[in-house]
N, C-alpha and C. Protein backbone atom coordinates (compact mmCIF):
# COMPACT_ATOMS: atom_id res chain seq x y z
N MET A 1 -5.57 -15.60 3.06
CA MET A 1 -4.60 -14.83 3.82
C MET A 1 -3.19 -15.41 3.69
N PRO A 2 -3.01 -16.72 3.69
CA PRO A 2 -1.64 -17.24 3.54
C PRO A 2 -0.99 -16.79 2.23
N GLU A 3 -1.80 -16.63 1.17
CA GLU A 3 -1.25 -16.18 -0.10
C GLU A 3 -0.70 -14.77 0.01
N ASP A 4 -1.39 -13.93 0.78
CA ASP A 4 -0.94 -12.55 0.96
C ASP A 4 0.42 -12.52 1.64
N ARG A 5 0.59 -13.34 2.64
CA ARG A 5 1.87 -13.38 3.36
C ARG A 5 3.00 -13.89 2.47
N ARG A 6 2.70 -14.85 1.60
CA ARG A 6 3.72 -15.37 0.69
C ARG A 6 4.12 -14.31 -0.33
N CYS A 7 3.18 -13.49 -0.75
CA CYS A 7 3.46 -12.45 -1.74
C CYS A 7 4.26 -11.30 -1.16
N ALA A 8 4.26 -11.14 0.15
CA ALA A 8 4.96 -10.02 0.78
C ALA A 8 6.44 -10.01 0.42
N VAL A 9 7.06 -11.17 0.37
CA VAL A 9 8.49 -11.25 0.05
C VAL A 9 8.75 -10.73 -1.36
N GLN A 10 7.91 -11.12 -2.31
CA GLN A 10 8.08 -10.66 -3.69
C GLN A 10 7.85 -9.16 -3.79
N LEU A 11 6.89 -8.65 -3.05
CA LEU A 11 6.64 -7.21 -3.04
C LEU A 11 7.81 -6.45 -2.44
N GLU A 12 8.42 -6.99 -1.40
CA GLU A 12 9.60 -6.36 -0.80
C GLU A 12 10.71 -6.21 -1.82
N VAL A 13 10.96 -7.25 -2.59
CA VAL A 13 12.00 -7.21 -3.62
C VAL A 13 11.65 -6.17 -4.68
N GLY A 14 10.40 -6.14 -5.11
CA GLY A 14 9.97 -5.17 -6.12
C GLY A 14 10.10 -3.74 -5.63
N ILE A 15 9.66 -3.47 -4.42
CA ILE A 15 9.75 -2.12 -3.86
C ILE A 15 11.21 -1.71 -3.70
N ALA A 16 12.03 -2.62 -3.20
CA ALA A 16 13.46 -2.33 -3.04
C ALA A 16 14.10 -1.98 -4.37
N THR A 17 13.75 -2.70 -5.41
CA THR A 17 14.29 -2.43 -6.74
C THR A 17 13.89 -1.05 -7.23
N VAL A 18 12.63 -0.69 -7.06
CA VAL A 18 12.13 0.60 -7.54
C VAL A 18 12.78 1.76 -6.80
N VAL A 19 12.95 1.65 -5.49
CA VAL A 19 13.48 2.77 -4.71
C VAL A 19 14.99 2.68 -4.51
N GLY A 20 15.64 1.68 -5.08
CA GLY A 20 17.09 1.59 -5.03
C GLY A 20 17.66 1.12 -3.71
N LEU A 21 16.97 0.24 -3.03
CA LEU A 21 17.45 -0.31 -1.76
C LEU A 21 17.69 -1.80 -1.91
N LEU A 22 18.35 -2.38 -0.93
CA LEU A 22 18.49 -3.83 -0.89
C LEU A 22 17.19 -4.43 -0.35
N PRO A 23 16.82 -5.60 -0.82
CA PRO A 23 15.59 -6.23 -0.31
C PRO A 23 15.58 -6.39 1.21
N GLU A 24 16.75 -6.56 1.81
CA GLU A 24 16.83 -6.71 3.27
C GLU A 24 16.44 -5.43 4.01
N GLN A 25 16.45 -4.30 3.29
CA GLN A 25 16.12 -3.02 3.91
C GLN A 25 14.62 -2.72 3.91
N ILE A 26 13.84 -3.58 3.28
CA ILE A 26 12.39 -3.40 3.20
C ILE A 26 11.71 -4.54 3.96
N THR A 27 10.76 -4.21 4.80
CA THR A 27 9.98 -5.22 5.52
C THR A 27 8.50 -4.89 5.41
N LEU A 28 7.74 -5.81 4.85
CA LEU A 28 6.28 -5.65 4.79
C LEU A 28 5.65 -6.57 5.82
N THR A 29 4.65 -6.06 6.49
CA THR A 29 3.89 -6.85 7.45
C THR A 29 2.45 -6.93 6.96
N VAL A 30 1.92 -8.13 6.88
CA VAL A 30 0.55 -8.34 6.44
C VAL A 30 -0.33 -8.46 7.68
N ASN A 31 -1.29 -7.55 7.80
CA ASN A 31 -2.23 -7.57 8.92
C ASN A 31 -3.63 -7.89 8.42
N THR A 32 -4.35 -8.67 9.19
CA THR A 32 -5.73 -9.00 8.86
C THR A 32 -6.65 -7.91 9.39
N VAL A 33 -7.52 -7.41 8.53
CA VAL A 33 -8.53 -6.42 8.94
C VAL A 33 -9.88 -6.86 8.40
N GLU A 34 -10.92 -6.35 9.02
CA GLU A 34 -12.28 -6.65 8.58
C GLU A 34 -12.60 -5.86 7.31
N GLN A 35 -13.47 -6.40 6.49
CA GLN A 35 -13.88 -5.72 5.26
C GLN A 35 -14.51 -4.36 5.56
N THR A 36 -15.22 -4.24 6.67
CA THR A 36 -15.85 -2.96 7.02
C THR A 36 -14.80 -1.87 7.24
N GLU A 37 -13.65 -2.24 7.81
CA GLU A 37 -12.57 -1.27 8.00
C GLU A 37 -12.00 -0.82 6.66
N VAL A 38 -11.86 -1.76 5.74
CA VAL A 38 -11.38 -1.42 4.40
C VAL A 38 -12.37 -0.47 3.73
N ASP A 39 -13.65 -0.81 3.79
CA ASP A 39 -14.68 0.02 3.16
C ASP A 39 -14.70 1.43 3.76
N MET A 40 -14.52 1.52 5.07
CA MET A 40 -14.58 2.81 5.75
C MET A 40 -13.42 3.72 5.34
N ASN A 41 -12.24 3.15 5.12
CA ASN A 41 -11.05 3.96 4.83
C ASN A 41 -10.75 4.12 3.36
N PHE A 42 -11.38 3.33 2.50
CA PHE A 42 -11.02 3.36 1.09
C PHE A 42 -11.23 4.73 0.46
N GLY A 43 -12.31 5.38 0.80
CA GLY A 43 -12.58 6.70 0.22
C GLY A 43 -11.48 7.70 0.54
N ALA A 44 -10.94 7.65 1.74
CA ALA A 44 -9.87 8.57 2.13
C ALA A 44 -8.61 8.29 1.31
N TYR A 45 -8.26 7.03 1.14
CA TYR A 45 -7.08 6.69 0.35
C TYR A 45 -7.27 7.08 -1.11
N GLU A 46 -8.46 6.83 -1.62
CA GLU A 46 -8.76 7.19 -3.00
C GLU A 46 -8.63 8.69 -3.21
N ARG A 47 -9.14 9.48 -2.28
CA ARG A 47 -9.06 10.94 -2.36
C ARG A 47 -7.60 11.41 -2.32
N LEU A 48 -6.81 10.87 -1.40
CA LEU A 48 -5.40 11.27 -1.31
C LEU A 48 -4.65 10.92 -2.58
N LEU A 49 -4.92 9.76 -3.14
CA LEU A 49 -4.27 9.36 -4.38
C LEU A 49 -4.68 10.28 -5.53
N SER A 50 -5.96 10.63 -5.60
CA SER A 50 -6.45 11.53 -6.64
C SER A 50 -5.80 12.90 -6.52
N GLN A 51 -5.62 13.37 -5.29
CA GLN A 51 -4.96 14.66 -5.08
C GLN A 51 -3.50 14.58 -5.53
N LYS A 52 -2.85 13.49 -5.21
CA LYS A 52 -1.44 13.33 -5.54
C LYS A 52 -1.21 13.36 -7.05
N ILE A 53 -2.10 12.74 -7.82
CA ILE A 53 -1.91 12.73 -9.27
C ILE A 53 -2.53 13.95 -9.94
N GLY A 54 -3.20 14.78 -9.14
CA GLY A 54 -3.72 16.04 -9.66
C GLY A 54 -5.08 15.98 -10.31
N SER A 55 -5.81 14.88 -10.15
CA SER A 55 -7.12 14.80 -10.80
C SER A 55 -8.22 15.49 -10.00
N VAL A 56 -7.96 15.79 -8.73
CA VAL A 56 -8.90 16.57 -7.91
C VAL A 56 -8.09 17.60 -7.13
N PRO A 57 -8.68 18.76 -6.83
CA PRO A 57 -7.95 19.76 -6.05
C PRO A 57 -7.79 19.32 -4.60
N PRO A 58 -6.75 19.82 -3.92
CA PRO A 58 -6.56 19.48 -2.50
C PRO A 58 -7.74 19.94 -1.65
N THR A 59 -8.02 19.21 -0.60
CA THR A 59 -9.08 19.58 0.33
C THR A 59 -8.65 20.82 1.10
N GLN A 60 -9.55 21.78 1.21
CA GLN A 60 -9.23 23.03 1.91
C GLN A 60 -9.60 22.95 3.35
């Protein structure tokens, strides 16, 4: 977990660069969650991402 928090600063800089903002305008917060919560929600995120790139049709 400490590694994740250290990486947040680098991710903030990267995101700011991509979207054209200053790094000070981006704030990432690292929260600890249980693996079961990740497993439960991963399918929903995967589906939304697939819809966004057009590989699956939107849910009706």
